[in-house]
PDB file of all heavy atoms in Angstrom:
ATOM      1  N   ASN A   1      19.971   4.711  -0.947  1.00  0.00           N
ATOM      2  CA  ASN A   1      20.217   4.244  -2.303  1.00  0.00           C
ATOM      3  C   ASN A   1      19.490   5.097  -3.343  1.00  0.00           C
ATOM      4  O   ASN A   1      19.377   4.697  -4.506  1.00  0.00           O
ATOM      5  CB  ASN A   1      19.824   2.775  -2.426  1.00  0.00           C
ATOM      6  CG  ASN A   1      20.847   1.866  -1.780  1.00  0.00           C
ATOM      7  OD1 ASN A   1      21.838   1.509  -2.396  1.00  0.00           O
ATOM      8  ND2 ASN A   1      20.635   1.523  -0.510  1.00  0.00           N
ATOM      9  N   HIS A   2      18.972   6.242  -2.912  1.00  0.00           N
ATOM     10  CA  HIS A   2      18.329   7.238  -3.790  1.00  0.00           C
ATOM     11  C   HIS A   2      17.136   6.670  -4.564  1.00  0.00           C
ATOM     12  O   HIS A   2      16.938   6.985  -5.736  1.00  0.00           O
ATOM     13  CB  HIS A   2      19.361   7.851  -4.742  1.00  0.00           C
ATOM     14  CG  HIS A   2      20.582   8.341  -4.023  1.00  0.00           C
ATOM     15  ND1 HIS A   2      20.565   9.454  -3.207  1.00  0.00           N
ATOM     16  CD2 HIS A   2      21.834   7.830  -3.960  1.00  0.00           C
ATOM     17  CE1 HIS A   2      21.769   9.622  -2.683  1.00  0.00           C
ATOM     18  NE2 HIS A   2      22.560   8.651  -3.116  1.00  0.00           N
ATOM     19  N   ILE A   3      16.355   5.841  -3.882  1.00  0.00           N
ATOM     20  CA  ILE A   3      15.141   5.283  -4.466  1.00  0.00           C
ATOM     21  C   ILE A   3      13.996   6.239  -4.117  1.00  0.00           C
ATOM     22  O   ILE A   3      13.766   6.524  -2.942  1.00  0.00           O
ATOM     23  CB  ILE A   3      14.860   3.863  -3.917  1.00  0.00           C
ATOM     24  CG1 ILE A   3      16.065   2.947  -4.119  1.00  0.00           C
ATOM     25  CG2 ILE A   3      13.595   3.289  -4.534  1.00  0.00           C
ATOM     26  CD1 ILE A   3      16.493   2.728  -5.549  1.00  0.00           C
ATOM     27  N   PRO A   4      13.258   6.741  -5.119  1.00  0.00           N
ATOM     28  CA  PRO A   4      12.259   7.781  -4.849  1.00  0.00           C
ATOM     29  C   PRO A   4      10.977   7.302  -4.177  1.00  0.00           C
ATOM     30  O   PRO A   4      10.293   8.079  -3.508  1.00  0.00           O
ATOM     31  CB  PRO A   4      11.947   8.342  -6.239  1.00  0.00           C
ATOM     32  CG  PRO A   4      12.252   7.225  -7.183  1.00  0.00           C
ATOM     33  CD  PRO A   4      13.406   6.474  -6.549  1.00  0.00           C
ATOM     34  N   GLY A   5      10.621   6.031  -4.357  1.00  0.00           N
ATOM     35  CA  GLY A   5       9.362   5.576  -3.781  1.00  0.00           C
ATOM     36  C   GLY A   5       9.242   4.069  -3.807  1.00  0.00           C
ATOM     37  O   GLY A   5      10.051   3.356  -4.394  1.00  0.00           O
ATOM     38  N   ILE A   6       8.188   3.611  -3.165  1.00  0.00           N
ATOM     39  CA  ILE A   6       7.964   2.175  -2.981  1.00  0.00           C
ATOM     40  C   ILE A   6       6.488   1.867  -3.171  1.00  0.00           C
ATOM     41  O   ILE A   6       5.637   2.717  -2.896  1.00  0.00           O
ATOM     42  CB  ILE A   6       8.456   1.742  -1.582  1.00  0.00           C
ATOM     43  CG1 ILE A   6       8.370   0.234  -1.428  1.00  0.00           C
ATOM     44  CG2 ILE A   6       7.724   2.459  -0.478  1.00  0.00           C
ATOM     45  CD1 ILE A   6       9.173  -0.293  -0.259  1.00  0.00           C
ATOM     46  N   HIS A   7       6.202   0.670  -3.636  1.00  0.00           N
ATOM     47  CA  HIS A   7       4.812   0.235  -3.735  1.00  0.00           C
ATOM     48  C   HIS A   7       4.686  -1.187  -3.187  1.00  0.00           C
ATOM     49  O   HIS A   7       5.682  -1.887  -3.003  1.00  0.00           O
ATOM     50  CB  HIS A   7       4.305   0.299  -5.187  1.00  0.00           C
ATOM     51  CG  HIS A   7       4.876  -0.757  -6.064  1.00  0.00           C
ATOM     52  ND1 HIS A   7       6.145  -0.671  -6.615  1.00  0.00           N
ATOM     53  CD2 HIS A   7       4.359  -1.940  -6.478  1.00  0.00           C
ATOM     54  CE1 HIS A   7       6.371  -1.742  -7.335  1.00  0.00           C
ATOM     55  NE2 HIS A   7       5.316  -2.536  -7.274  1.00  0.00           N
ATOM     56  N   LEU A   8       3.452  -1.591  -2.922  1.00  0.00           N
ATOM     57  CA  LEU A   8       3.168  -2.933  -2.428  1.00  0.00           C
ATOM     58  C   LEU A   8       1.726  -3.269  -2.723  1.00  0.00           C
ATOM     59  O   LEU A   8       0.932  -2.375  -3.018  1.00  0.00           O
ATOM     60  CB  LEU A   8       3.445  -3.033  -0.923  1.00  0.00           C
ATOM     61  CG  LEU A   8       2.671  -2.068  -0.027  1.00  0.00           C
ATOM     62  CD1 LEU A   8       1.343  -2.666   0.397  1.00  0.00           C
ATOM     63  CD2 LEU A   8       3.489  -1.734   1.195  1.00  0.00           C
ATOM     64  N   ALA A   9       1.408  -4.533  -2.634  1.00  0.00           N
ATOM     65  CA  ALA A   9       0.038  -4.997  -2.818  1.00  0.00           C
ATOM     66  C   ALA A   9      -0.364  -5.817  -1.603  1.00  0.00           C
ATOM     67  O   ALA A   9       0.458  -6.531  -1.031  1.00  0.00           O
ATOM     68  CB  ALA A   9      -0.087  -5.834  -4.086  1.00  0.00           C
ATOM     69  N   THR A  10      -1.628  -5.698  -1.210  1.00  0.00           N
ATOM     70  CA  THR A  10      -2.145  -6.485  -0.088  1.00  0.00           C
ATOM     71  C   THR A  10      -3.595  -6.841  -0.334  1.00  0.00           C
ATOM     72  O   THR A  10      -4.320  -6.101  -1.003  1.00  0.00           O
ATOM     73  CB  THR A  10      -2.006  -5.729   1.251  1.00  0.00           C
ATOM     74  OG1 THR A  10      -2.421  -6.595   2.319  1.00  0.00           O
ATOM     75  CG2 THR A  10      -2.842  -4.468   1.295  1.00  0.00           C
ATOM     76  N   PHE A  11      -4.015  -7.978   0.197  1.00  0.00           N
ATOM     77  CA  PHE A  11      -5.440  -8.297   0.191  1.00  0.00           C
ATOM     78  C   PHE A  11      -5.982  -8.340   1.615  1.00  0.00           C
ATOM     79  O   PHE A  11      -7.116  -8.703   1.860  1.00  0.00           O
ATOM     80  CB  PHE A  11      -5.753  -9.598  -0.564  1.00  0.00           C
ATOM     81  CG  PHE A  11      -4.937 -10.783  -0.178  1.00  0.00           C
ATOM     82  CD1 PHE A  11      -5.205 -11.481   0.980  1.00  0.00           C
ATOM     83  CD2 PHE A  11      -3.907 -11.216  -0.989  1.00  0.00           C
ATOM     84  CE1 PHE A  11      -4.470 -12.592   1.334  1.00  0.00           C
ATOM     85  CE2 PHE A  11      -3.149 -12.333  -0.638  1.00  0.00           C
ATOM     86  CZ  PHE A  11      -3.434 -13.017   0.520  1.00  0.00           C
ATOM     87  N   SER A  12      -5.195  -7.896   2.555  1.00  0.00           N
ATOM     88  CA  SER A  12      -5.571  -7.884   3.964  1.00  0.00           C
ATOM     89  C   SER A  12      -6.189  -6.541   4.353  1.00  0.00           C
ATOM     90  O   SER A  12      -5.598  -5.491   4.123  1.00  0.00           O
ATOM     91  CB  SER A  12      -4.319  -8.145   4.816  1.00  0.00           C
ATOM     92  OG  SER A  12      -4.497  -7.702   6.128  1.00  0.00           O
ATOM     93  N   GLU A  13      -7.355  -6.594   4.953  1.00  0.00           N
ATOM     94  CA  GLU A  13      -7.990  -5.354   5.445  1.00  0.00           C
ATOM     95  C   GLU A  13      -7.133  -4.721   6.531  1.00  0.00           C
ATOM     96  O   GLU A  13      -6.940  -3.516   6.575  1.00  0.00           O
ATOM     97  CB  GLU A  13      -9.393  -5.663   5.972  1.00  0.00           C
ATOM     98  CG  GLU A  13     -10.230  -4.438   6.230  1.00  0.00           C
ATOM     99  CD  GLU A  13     -10.534  -3.632   4.971  1.00  0.00           C
ATOM    100  OE1 GLU A  13     -10.853  -4.228   3.931  1.00  0.00           O
ATOM    101  OE2 GLU A  13     -10.434  -2.390   5.035  1.00  0.00           O
ATOM    102  N   GLN A  14      -6.581  -5.540   7.414  1.00  0.00           N
ATOM    103  CA  GLN A  14      -5.689  -5.060   8.472  1.00  0.00           C
ATOM    104  C   GLN A  14      -4.450  -4.410   7.848  1.00  0.00           C
ATOM    105  O   GLN A  14      -3.988  -3.367   8.300  1.00  0.00           O
ATOM    106  CB  GLN A  14      -5.296  -6.228   9.374  1.00  0.00           C
ATOM    107  CG  GLN A  14      -4.540  -5.843  10.609  1.00  0.00           C
ATOM    108  CD  GLN A  14      -4.251  -7.071  11.478  1.00  0.00           C
ATOM    109  OE1 GLN A  14      -4.427  -8.215  11.066  1.00  0.00           O
ATOM    110  NE2 GLN A  14      -3.795  -6.824  12.688  1.00  0.00           N
ATOM    111  N   GLY A  15      -3.934  -5.028   6.796  1.00  0.00           N
ATOM    112  CA  GLY A  15      -2.790  -4.466   6.083  1.00  0.00           C
ATOM    113  C   GLY A  15      -3.118  -3.127   5.456  1.00  0.00           C
ATOM    114  O   GLY A  15      -2.337  -2.175   5.538  1.00  0.00           O
ATOM    115  N   ARG A  16      -4.290  -3.032   4.805  1.00  0.00           N
ATOM    116  CA  ARG A  16      -4.709  -1.763   4.196  1.00  0.00           C
ATOM    117  C   ARG A  16      -4.674  -0.635   5.232  1.00  0.00           C
ATOM    118  O   ARG A  16      -4.144   0.437   4.972  1.00  0.00           O
ATOM    119  CB  ARG A  16      -6.127  -1.869   3.629  1.00  0.00           C
ATOM    120  CG  ARG A  16      -6.234  -2.549   2.319  1.00  0.00           C
ATOM    121  CD  ARG A  16      -7.696  -2.489   1.825  1.00  0.00           C
ATOM    122  NE  ARG A  16      -7.923  -3.491   0.830  1.00  0.00           N
ATOM    123  CZ  ARG A  16      -8.269  -4.750   1.082  1.00  0.00           C
ATOM    124  NH1 ARG A  16      -8.480  -5.161   2.309  1.00  0.00           N
ATOM    125  NH2 ARG A  16      -8.428  -5.602   0.100  1.00  0.00           N
ATOM    126  N   ASN A  17      -5.249  -0.894   6.386  1.00  0.00           N
ATOM    127  CA  ASN A  17      -5.301   0.132   7.437  1.00  0.00           C
ATOM    128  C   ASN A  17      -3.895   0.515   7.907  1.00  0.00           C
ATOM    129  O   ASN A  17      -3.604   1.688   8.118  1.00  0.00           O
ATOM    130  CB  ASN A  17      -6.148  -0.358   8.616  1.00  0.00           C
ATOM    131  CG  ASN A  17      -7.598  -0.545   8.228  1.00  0.00           C
ATOM    132  OD1 ASN A  17      -8.106   0.085   7.308  1.00  0.00           O
ATOM    133  ND2 ASN A  17      -8.282  -1.434   8.919  1.00  0.00           N
ATOM    134  N   PHE A  18      -3.030  -0.473   8.074  1.00  0.00           N
ATOM    135  CA  PHE A  18      -1.659  -0.218   8.512  1.00  0.00           C
ATOM    136  C   PHE A  18      -0.919   0.652   7.499  1.00  0.00           C
ATOM    137  O   PHE A  18      -0.270   1.637   7.857  1.00  0.00           O
ATOM    138  CB  PHE A  18      -0.921  -1.546   8.731  1.00  0.00           C
ATOM    139  CG  PHE A  18       0.554  -1.393   8.974  1.00  0.00           C
ATOM    140  CD1 PHE A  18       1.028  -0.802  10.141  1.00  0.00           C
ATOM    141  CD2 PHE A  18       1.474  -1.837   8.034  1.00  0.00           C
ATOM    142  CE1 PHE A  18       2.398  -0.664  10.362  1.00  0.00           C
ATOM    143  CE2 PHE A  18       2.837  -1.712   8.248  1.00  0.00           C
ATOM    144  CZ  PHE A  18       3.295  -1.118   9.422  1.00  0.00           C
ATOM    145  N   PHE A  19      -1.011   0.310   6.222  1.00  0.00           N
ATOM    146  CA  PHE A  19      -0.275   1.057   5.206  1.00  0.00           C
ATOM    147  C   PHE A  19      -0.779   2.491   5.085  1.00  0.00           C
ATOM    148  O   PHE A  19       0.013   3.417   4.913  1.00  0.00           O
ATOM    149  CB  PHE A  19      -0.308   0.325   3.865  1.00  0.00           C
ATOM    150  CG  PHE A  19       0.342  -1.027   3.946  1.00  0.00           C
ATOM    151  CD1 PHE A  19      -0.343  -2.177   3.615  1.00  0.00           C
ATOM    152  CD2 PHE A  19       1.647  -1.165   4.403  1.00  0.00           C
ATOM    153  CE1 PHE A  19       0.250  -3.420   3.715  1.00  0.00           C
ATOM    154  CE2 PHE A  19       2.257  -2.405   4.513  1.00  0.00           C
ATOM    155  CZ  PHE A  19       1.551  -3.537   4.169  1.00  0.00           C
ATOM    156  N   LEU A  20      -2.081   2.690   5.207  1.00  0.00           N
ATOM    157  CA  LEU A  20      -2.614   4.055   5.190  1.00  0.00           C
ATOM    158  C   LEU A  20      -2.099   4.841   6.399  1.00  0.00           C
ATOM    159  O   LEU A  20      -1.736   6.005   6.282  1.00  0.00           O
ATOM    160  CB  LEU A  20      -4.143   4.037   5.170  1.00  0.00           C
ATOM    161  CG  LEU A  20      -4.780   3.584   3.859  1.00  0.00           C
ATOM    162  CD1 LEU A  20      -6.279   3.363   4.037  1.00  0.00           C
ATOM    163  CD2 LEU A  20      -4.507   4.593   2.739  1.00  0.00           C
ATOM    164  N   LYS A  21      -2.059   4.177   7.561  1.00  0.00           N
ATOM    165  CA  LYS A  21      -1.614   4.831   8.800  1.00  0.00           C
ATOM    166  C   LYS A  21      -0.169   5.318   8.698  1.00  0.00           C
ATOM    167  O   LYS A  21       0.182   6.363   9.242  1.00  0.00           O
ATOM    168  CB  LYS A  21      -1.757   3.858   9.978  1.00  0.00           C
ATOM    169  CG  LYS A  21      -1.392   4.437  11.331  1.00  0.00           C
ATOM    170  CD  LYS A  21      -1.509   3.393  12.428  1.00  0.00           C
ATOM    171  CE  LYS A  21      -0.120   2.933  12.759  1.00  0.00           C
ATOM    172  NZ  LYS A  21       0.017   1.929  13.768  1.00  0.00           N
ATOM    173  N   ILE A  22       0.686   4.582   7.977  1.00  0.00           N
ATOM    174  CA  ILE A  22       2.092   4.985   7.908  1.00  0.00           C
ATOM    175  C   ILE A  22       2.420   5.793   6.640  1.00  0.00           C
ATOM    176  O   ILE A  22       3.586   5.947   6.291  1.00  0.00           O
ATOM    177  CB  ILE A  22       3.052   3.789   8.076  1.00  0.00           C
ATOM    178  CG1 ILE A  22       2.887   2.772   6.961  1.00  0.00           C
ATOM    179  CG2 ILE A  22       2.884   3.149   9.444  1.00  0.00           C
ATOM    180  CD1 ILE A  22       3.979   1.722   6.959  1.00  0.00           C
ATOM    181  N   GLY A  23       1.381   6.305   5.992  1.00  0.00           N
ATOM    182  CA  GLY A  23       1.609   7.276   4.924  1.00  0.00           C
ATOM    183  C   GLY A  23       1.572   6.782   3.497  1.00  0.00           C
ATOM    184  O   GLY A  23       1.925   7.517   2.580  1.00  0.00           O
ATOM    185  N   PHE A  24       1.119   5.556   3.270  1.00  0.00           N
ATOM    186  CA  PHE A  24       0.968   5.082   1.896  1.00  0.00           C
ATOM    187  C   PHE A  24      -0.315   5.643   1.291  1.00  0.00           C
ATOM    188  O   PHE A  24      -1.264   5.967   2.012  1.00  0.00           O
ATOM    189  CB  PHE A  24       0.916   3.548   1.852  1.00  0.00           C
ATOM    190  CG  PHE A  24       2.251   2.882   1.905  1.00  0.00           C
ATOM    191  CD1 PHE A  24       2.924   2.722   3.102  1.00  0.00           C
ATOM    192  CD2 PHE A  24       2.851   2.398   0.747  1.00  0.00           C
ATOM    193  CE1 PHE A  24       4.158   2.098   3.156  1.00  0.00           C
ATOM    194  CE2 PHE A  24       4.090   1.771   0.791  1.00  0.00           C
ATOM    195  CZ  PHE A  24       4.745   1.623   1.993  1.00  0.00           C
ATOM    196  N   THR A  25      -0.349   5.749  -0.027  1.00  0.00           N
ATOM    197  CA  THR A  25      -1.508   6.216  -0.773  1.00  0.00           C
ATOM    198  C   THR A  25      -2.026   5.063  -1.628  1.00  0.00           C
ATOM    199  O   THR A  25      -1.230   4.332  -2.235  1.00  0.00           O
ATOM    200  CB  THR A  25      -1.101   7.387  -1.706  1.00  0.00           C
ATOM    201  OG1 THR A  25      -0.553   8.429  -0.907  1.00  0.00           O
ATOM    202  CG2 THR A  25      -2.275   7.907  -2.490  1.00  0.00           C
ATOM    203  N   LEU A  26      -3.340   4.917  -1.701  1.00  0.00           N
ATOM    204  CA  LEU A  26      -3.943   3.879  -2.531  1.00  0.00           C
ATOM    205  C   LEU A  26      -3.736   4.236  -3.998  1.00  0.00           C
ATOM    206  O   LEU A  26      -4.118   5.311  -4.452  1.00  0.00           O
ATOM    207  CB  LEU A  26      -5.430   3.747  -2.217  1.00  0.00           C
ATOM    208  CG  LEU A  26      -6.185   2.665  -2.979  1.00  0.00           C
ATOM    209  CD1 LEU A  26      -5.664   1.273  -2.621  1.00  0.00           C
ATOM    210  CD2 LEU A  26      -7.674   2.764  -2.681  1.00  0.00           C
ATOM    211  N   LEU A  27      -3.101   3.326  -4.764  1.00  0.00           N
ATOM    212  CA  LEU A  27      -2.838   3.546  -6.187  1.00  0.00           C
ATOM    213  C   LEU A  27      -3.849   2.828  -7.074  1.00  0.00           C
ATOM    214  O   LEU A  27      -4.057   3.218  -8.216  1.00  0.00           O
ATOM    215  CB  LEU A  27      -1.428   3.079  -6.561  1.00  0.00           C
ATOM    216  CG  LEU A  27      -0.259   3.751  -5.846  1.00  0.00           C
ATOM    217  CD1 LEU A  27       1.059   3.102  -6.257  1.00  0.00           C
ATOM    218  CD2 LEU A  27      -0.238   5.241  -6.138  1.00  0.00           C
ATOM    219  N   GLY A  28      -4.453   1.763  -6.572  1.00  0.00           N
ATOM    220  CA  GLY A  28      -5.426   1.016  -7.365  1.00  0.00           C
ATOM    221  C   GLY A  28      -5.895  -0.226  -6.647  1.00  0.00           C
ATOM    222  O   GLY A  28      -5.275  -0.665  -5.678  1.00  0.00           O
ATOM    223  N   GLU A  29      -7.030  -0.760  -7.121  1.00  0.00           N
ATOM    224  CA  GLU A  29      -7.582  -1.979  -6.535  1.00  0.00           C
ATOM    225  C   GLU A  29      -8.151  -2.858  -7.640  1.00  0.00           C
ATOM    226  O   GLU A  29      -8.532  -2.370  -8.697  1.00  0.00           O
ATOM    227  CB  GLU A  29      -8.697  -1.663  -5.537  1.00  0.00           C
ATOM    228  CG  GLU A  29      -8.207  -0.973  -4.288  1.00  0.00           C
ATOM    229  CD  GLU A  29      -9.311  -0.752  -3.274  1.00  0.00           C
ATOM    230  OE1 GLU A  29     -10.360  -0.202  -3.624  1.00  0.00           O
ATOM    231  OE2 GLU A  29      -9.084  -1.136  -2.116  1.00  0.00           O
ATOM    232  N   ARG A  30      -8.206  -4.143  -7.366  1.00  0.00           N
ATOM    233  CA  ARG A  30      -8.841  -5.085  -8.273  1.00  0.00           C
ATOM    234  C   ARG A  30      -9.296  -6.305  -7.470  1.00  0.00           C
ATOM    235  O   ARG A  30      -8.812  -6.537  -6.362  1.00  0.00           O
ATOM    236  CB  ARG A  30      -7.901  -5.489  -9.395  1.00  0.00           C
ATOM    237  CG  ARG A  30      -6.796  -6.416  -8.939  1.00  0.00           C
ATOM    238  CD  ARG A  30      -5.873  -6.833 -10.051  1.00  0.00           C
ATOM    239  NE  ARG A  30      -4.899  -7.800  -9.688  1.00  0.00           N
ATOM    240  CZ  ARG A  30      -3.979  -7.722  -8.732  1.00  0.00           C
ATOM    241  NH1 ARG A  30      -3.917  -6.656  -7.983  1.00  0.00           N
ATOM    242  NH2 ARG A  30      -3.122  -8.687  -8.502  1.00  0.00           N
ATOM    243  N   LYS A  31     -10.208  -7.064  -8.047  1.00  0.00           N
ATOM    244  CA  LYS A  31     -10.658  -8.289  -7.389  1.00  0.00           C
ATOM    245  C   LYS A  31     -10.067  -9.483  -8.116  1.00  0.00           C
ATOM    246  O   LYS A  31      -9.832  -9.443  -9.316  1.00  0.00           O
ATOM    247  CB  LYS A  31     -12.180  -8.368  -7.402  1.00  0.00           C
ATOM    248  CG  LYS A  31     -12.815  -7.380  -6.462  1.00  0.00           C
ATOM    249  CD  LYS A  31     -14.240  -7.722  -6.189  1.00  0.00           C
ATOM    250  CE  LYS A  31     -14.742  -6.746  -5.139  1.00  0.00           C
ATOM    251  NZ  LYS A  31     -15.965  -7.137  -4.551  1.00  0.00           N
ATOM    252  N   THR A  32      -9.835 -10.548  -7.349  1.00  0.00           N
ATOM    253  CA  THR A  32      -9.364 -11.796  -7.932  1.00  0.00           C
ATOM    254  C   THR A  32     -10.242 -12.938  -7.441  1.00  0.00           C
ATOM    255  O   THR A  32     -10.680 -12.949  -6.296  1.00  0.00           O
ATOM    256  CB  THR A  32      -7.875 -12.070  -7.587  1.00  0.00           C
ATOM    257  OG1 THR A  32      -7.500 -13.306  -8.188  1.00  0.00           O
ATOM    258  CG2 THR A  32      -7.632 -12.144  -6.100  1.00  0.00           C
TER     259      THR A  32
END
């Protein structure tokens, strides 16, 4: 569908590691 990129948000440490492993780049962080 010619979509150039994707983003997502997670608060899971396990999720963070998974997304980095499959080639995602950290765009930003914040606390809630």
